[in-house]
C-alpha atoms as a PDB file:
ATOM      1  CA  UNK A   1     114.236 162.923  60.023  1.00  0.00           C
ATOM      2  CA  UNK A   2     111.654 162.963  62.801  1.00  0.00           C
ATOM      3  CA  UNK A   3     112.712 163.108  66.432  1.00  0.00           C
ATOM      4  CA  UNK A   4     109.655 161.099  67.445  1.00  0.00           C
ATOM      5  CA  UNK A   5     110.815 158.164  69.527  1.00  0.00           C
ATOM      6  CA  UNK A   6     114.267 159.571  70.295  1.00  0.00           C
ATOM      7  CA  UNK A   7     115.170 159.664  73.980  1.00  0.00           C
ATOM      8  CA  UNK A   8     114.516 163.141  75.311  1.00  0.00           C
ATOM      9  CA  UNK A   9     115.876 162.758  78.810  1.00  0.00           C
ATOM     10  CA  UNK A  10     116.817 160.325  81.538  1.00  0.00           C
ATOM     11  CA  UNK A  11     116.111 161.093  85.199  1.00  0.00           C
ATOM     12  CA  UNK A  12     118.227 159.458  87.887  1.00  0.00           C
ATOM     13  CA  UNK A  13     117.578 159.539  91.631  1.00  0.00           C
ATOM     14  CA  UNK A  14     120.606 159.688  93.891  1.00  0.00           C
ATOM     15  CA  UNK A  15     120.834 158.646  97.533  1.00  0.00           C
ATOM     16  CA  UNK A  16     123.611 161.243  97.986  1.00  0.00           C
ATOM     17  CA  UNK A  17     122.640 164.118  95.711  1.00  0.00           C
ATOM     18  CA  UNK A  18     125.736 166.305  96.264  1.00  0.00           C
ATOM     19  CA  UNK A  19     128.179 163.427  95.758  1.00  0.00           C
ATOM     20  CA  UNK A  20     126.283 162.280  92.657  1.00  0.00           C
ATOM     21  CA  UNK A  21     126.355 165.770  91.164  1.00  0.00           C
ATOM     22  CA  UNK A  22     130.143 165.846  91.546  1.00  0.00           C
ATOM     23  CA  UNK A  23     130.533 162.394  89.974  1.00  0.00           C
ATOM     24  CA  UNK A  24     128.170 163.049  87.046  1.00  0.00           C
ATOM     25  CA  UNK A  25     129.710 166.463  86.407  1.00  0.00           C
ATOM     26  CA  UNK A  26     133.115 164.760  86.146  1.00  0.00           C
ATOM     27  CA  UNK A  27     131.790 161.957  83.930  1.00  0.00           C
ATOM     28  CA  UNK A  28     129.450 163.941  81.712  1.00  0.00           C
ATOM     29  CA  UNK A  29     131.159 167.343  81.484  1.00  0.00           C
ATOM     30  CA  UNK A  30     134.858 166.618  81.948  1.00  0.00           C
ATOM     31  CA  UNK A  31     135.030 163.251  80.168  1.00  0.00           C
ATOM     32  CA  UNK A  32     132.123 163.149  77.703  1.00  0.00           C
ATOM     33  CA  UNK A  33     131.693 166.798  76.698  1.00  0.00           C
ATOM     34  CA  UNK A  34     128.172 167.448  78.004  1.00  0.00           C
ATOM     35  CA  UNK A  35     127.209 170.886  79.319  1.00  0.00           C
ATOM     36  CA  UNK A  36     125.681 171.432  82.727  1.00  0.00           C
ATOM     37  CA  UNK A  37     122.455 173.182  81.729  1.00  0.00           C
ATOM     38  CA  UNK A  38     120.777 173.428  85.129  1.00  0.00           C
ATOM     39  CA  UNK A  39     121.880 173.263  88.762  1.00  0.00           C
ATOM     40  CA  UNK A  40     119.159 173.782  91.352  1.00  0.00           C
ATOM     41  CA  UNK A  41     118.655 172.440  94.885  1.00  0.00           C
ATOM     42  CA  UNK A  42     116.319 169.747  93.529  1.00  0.00           C
ATOM     43  CA  UNK A  43     117.903 168.820  90.176  1.00  0.00           C
ATOM     44  CA  UNK A  44     121.129 169.042  88.225  1.00  0.00           C
ATOM     45  CA  UNK A  45     120.892 168.551  84.455  1.00  0.00           C
ATOM     46  CA  UNK A  46     123.469 167.827  81.800  1.00  0.00           C
ATOM     47  CA  UNK A  47     122.937 167.816  78.035  1.00  0.00           C
ATOM     48  CA  UNK A  48     124.764 167.275  74.774  1.00  0.00           C
ATOM     49  CA  UNK A  49     124.566 170.037  72.227  1.00  0.00           C
ATOM     50  CA  UNK A  50     122.918 169.492  68.890  1.00  0.00           C
ATOM     51  CA  UNK A  51     119.243 168.644  69.319  1.00  0.00           C
ATOM     52  CA  UNK A  52     116.076 170.533  70.117  1.00  0.00           C
ATOM     53  CA  UNK A  53     115.667 173.257  72.737  1.00  0.00           C
ATOM     54  CA  UNK A  54     112.662 174.252  74.820  1.00  0.00           C
ATOM     55  CA  UNK A  55     111.663 177.165  77.024  1.00  0.00           C
ATOM     56  CA  UNK A  56     113.195 175.742  80.211  1.00  0.00           C
ATOM     57  CA  UNK A  57     116.532 174.623  78.709  1.00  0.00           C
ATOM     58  CA  UNK A  58     118.216 177.350  76.627  1.00  0.00           C
ATOM     59  CA  UNK A  59     120.554 174.940  74.823  1.00  0.00           C
ATOM     60  CA  UNK A  60     120.027 172.722  71.823  1.00  0.00           C
ATOM     61  CA  UNK A  61     120.492 169.239  73.230  1.00  0.00           C
ATOM     62  CA  UNK A  62     120.296 165.690  71.928  1.00  0.00           C
ATOM     63  CA  UNK A  63     119.855 163.990  75.299  1.00  0.00           C
ATOM     64  CA  UNK A  64     119.353 165.406  78.773  1.00  0.00           C
ATOM     65  CA  UNK A  65     120.409 163.561  81.922  1.00  0.00           C
ATOM     66  CA  UNK A  66     118.981 164.830  85.200  1.00  0.00           C
ATOM     67  CA  UNK A  67     120.037 163.862  88.700  1.00  0.00           C
ATOM     68  CA  UNK A  68     117.786 164.511  91.664  1.00  0.00           C
ATOM     69  CA  UNK A  69     117.724 163.609  95.343  1.00  0.00           C
ATOM     70  CA  UNK A  70     116.364 160.172  96.179  1.00  0.00           C
ATOM     71  CA  UNK A  71     115.958 158.068  99.277  1.00  0.00           C
ATOM     72  CA  UNK A  72     118.838 156.311 100.999  1.00  0.00           C
ATOM     73  CA  UNK A  73     117.874 152.824  99.801  1.00  0.00           C
ATOM     74  CA  UNK A  74     120.858 150.858  98.532  1.00  0.00           C
ATOM     75  CA  UNK A  75     120.769 150.217  94.782  1.00  0.00           C
ATOM     76  CA  UNK A  76     120.492 146.573  93.772  1.00  0.00           C
ATOM     77  CA  UNK A  77     121.289 145.938  90.100  1.00  0.00           C
ATOM     78  CA  UNK A  78     118.643 143.226  89.655  1.00  0.00           C
ATOM     79  CA  UNK A  79     115.769 145.091  91.322  1.00  0.00           C
ATOM     80  CA  UNK A  80     113.195 146.790  89.092  1.00  0.00           C
ATOM     81  CA  UNK A  81     114.404 150.061  87.640  1.00  0.00           C
ATOM     82  CA  UNK A  82     117.391 151.205  85.641  1.00  0.00           C
ATOM     83  CA  UNK A  83     119.877 148.362  85.184  1.00  0.00           C
ATOM     84  CA  UNK A  84     122.651 150.406  83.579  1.00  0.00           C
ATOM     85  CA  UNK A  85     123.291 153.413  81.377  1.00  0.00           C
ATOM     86  CA  UNK A  86     125.675 153.090  78.431  1.00  0.00           C
ATOM     87  CA  UNK A  87     127.454 155.813  76.474  1.00  0.00           C
ATOM     88  CA  UNK A  88     128.936 155.469  73.000  1.00  0.00           C
ATOM     89  CA  UNK A  89     132.679 155.772  72.466  1.00  0.00           C
ATOM     90  CA  UNK A  90     134.456 156.061  69.123  1.00  0.00           C
ATOM     91  CA  UNK A  91     137.257 153.592  69.855  1.00  0.00           C
ATOM     92  CA  UNK A  92     138.414 150.919  72.296  1.00  0.00           C
ATOM     93  CA  UNK A  93     141.172 153.312  73.318  1.00  0.00           C
ATOM     94  CA  UNK A  94     138.569 155.912  74.292  1.00  0.00           C
ATOM     95  CA  UNK A  95     136.755 153.335  76.439  1.00  0.00           C
ATOM     96  CA  UNK A  96     140.041 152.417  78.130  1.00  0.00           C
ATOM     97  CA  UNK A  97     140.979 156.074  78.664  1.00  0.00           C
ATOM     98  CA  UNK A  98     137.617 156.954  80.232  1.00  0.00           C
ATOM     99  CA  UNK A  99     137.769 153.840  82.407  1.00  0.00           C
ATOM    100  CA  UNK A 100     141.210 154.857  83.669  1.00  0.00           C
ATOM    101  CA  UNK A 101     140.030 158.369  84.495  1.00  0.00           C
ATOM    102  CA  UNK A 102     136.990 157.002  86.341  1.00  0.00           C
ATOM    103  CA  UNK A 103     139.191 154.667  88.395  1.00  0.00           C
ATOM    104  CA  UNK A 104     141.446 157.620  89.231  1.00  0.00           C
ATOM    105  CA  UNK A 105     138.403 159.747  90.182  1.00  0.00           C
ATOM    106  CA  UNK A 106     137.196 156.916  92.396  1.00  0.00           C
ATOM    107  CA  UNK A 107     140.573 156.683  94.159  1.00  0.00           C
ATOM    108  CA  UNK A 108     140.807 160.456  94.657  1.00  0.00           C
ATOM    109  CA  UNK A 109     137.214 160.817  95.888  1.00  0.00           C
ATOM    110  CA  UNK A 110     136.672 157.898  98.259  1.00  0.00           C
ATOM    111  CA  UNK A 111     134.605 160.093 100.574  1.00  0.00           C
ATOM    112  CA  UNK A 112     132.187 160.737  97.708  1.00  0.00           C
ATOM    113  CA  UNK A 113     132.041 157.371  95.986  1.00  0.00           C
ATOM    114  CA  UNK A 114     131.966 155.398  99.230  1.00  0.00           C
ATOM    115  CA  UNK A 115     131.547 151.703  98.565  1.00  0.00           C
ATOM    116  CA  UNK A 116     130.458 152.142  94.948  1.00  0.00           C
ATOM    117  CA  UNK A 117     132.657 150.404  92.450  1.00  0.00           C
ATOM    118  CA  UNK A 118     133.080 149.845  88.748  1.00  0.00           C
ATOM    119  CA  UNK A 119     131.908 146.282  88.245  1.00  0.00           C
ATOM    120  CA  UNK A 120     133.956 145.276  85.208  1.00  0.00           C
ATOM    121  CA  UNK A 121     137.099 146.412  83.418  1.00  0.00           C
ATOM    122  CA  UNK A 122     136.728 147.154  79.698  1.00  0.00           C
ATOM    123  CA  UNK A 123     136.584 143.965  77.653  1.00  0.00           C
ATOM    124  CA  UNK A 124     135.287 142.495  74.414  1.00  0.00           C
ATOM    125  CA  UNK A 125     131.732 141.135  74.613  1.00  0.00           C
ATOM    126  CA  UNK A 126     131.267 139.061  71.440  1.00  0.00           C
ATOM    127  CA  UNK A 127     127.872 137.856  72.681  1.00  0.00           C
ATOM    128  CA  UNK A 128     126.539 141.366  71.930  1.00  0.00           C
ATOM    129  CA  UNK A 129     127.958 141.505  68.412  1.00  0.00           C
ATOM    130  CA  UNK A 130     131.226 141.640  66.476  1.00  0.00           C
ATOM    131  CA  UNK A 131     133.587 144.286  67.804  1.00  0.00           C
ATOM    132  CA  UNK A 132     131.458 145.109  70.865  1.00  0.00           C
ATOM    133  CA  UNK A 133     133.800 146.475  73.524  1.00  0.00           C
ATOM    134  CA  UNK A 134     132.727 148.074  76.770  1.00  0.00           C
END
């Protein structure tokens, strides 16, 4: 099977780089099993094992997510750019468990997350297909 067309990486800009690194490390490493494959003053990268490697990343990864410093402009969901990023979960229970841990992280790290919030609790979304739960 060819990897042509598969997503190689996603780059996110963060208005608070240090806070974002802590959040994404919790989400990606602690909850979703990614590895932190790079941590430099200008970028922090996380990848899942199992795909292709290259000279700069010494791990076999299927998807790489990088976070870098951005400007302090407030994110507006409907402005041009990334609308949202979705991760697969095996079961509804897994979605609920991860949601609960993210809410707990948010409560314990108010200084980091600031006014950011999870917009919706997990729910069924039949408009996206039978059994769709997010």
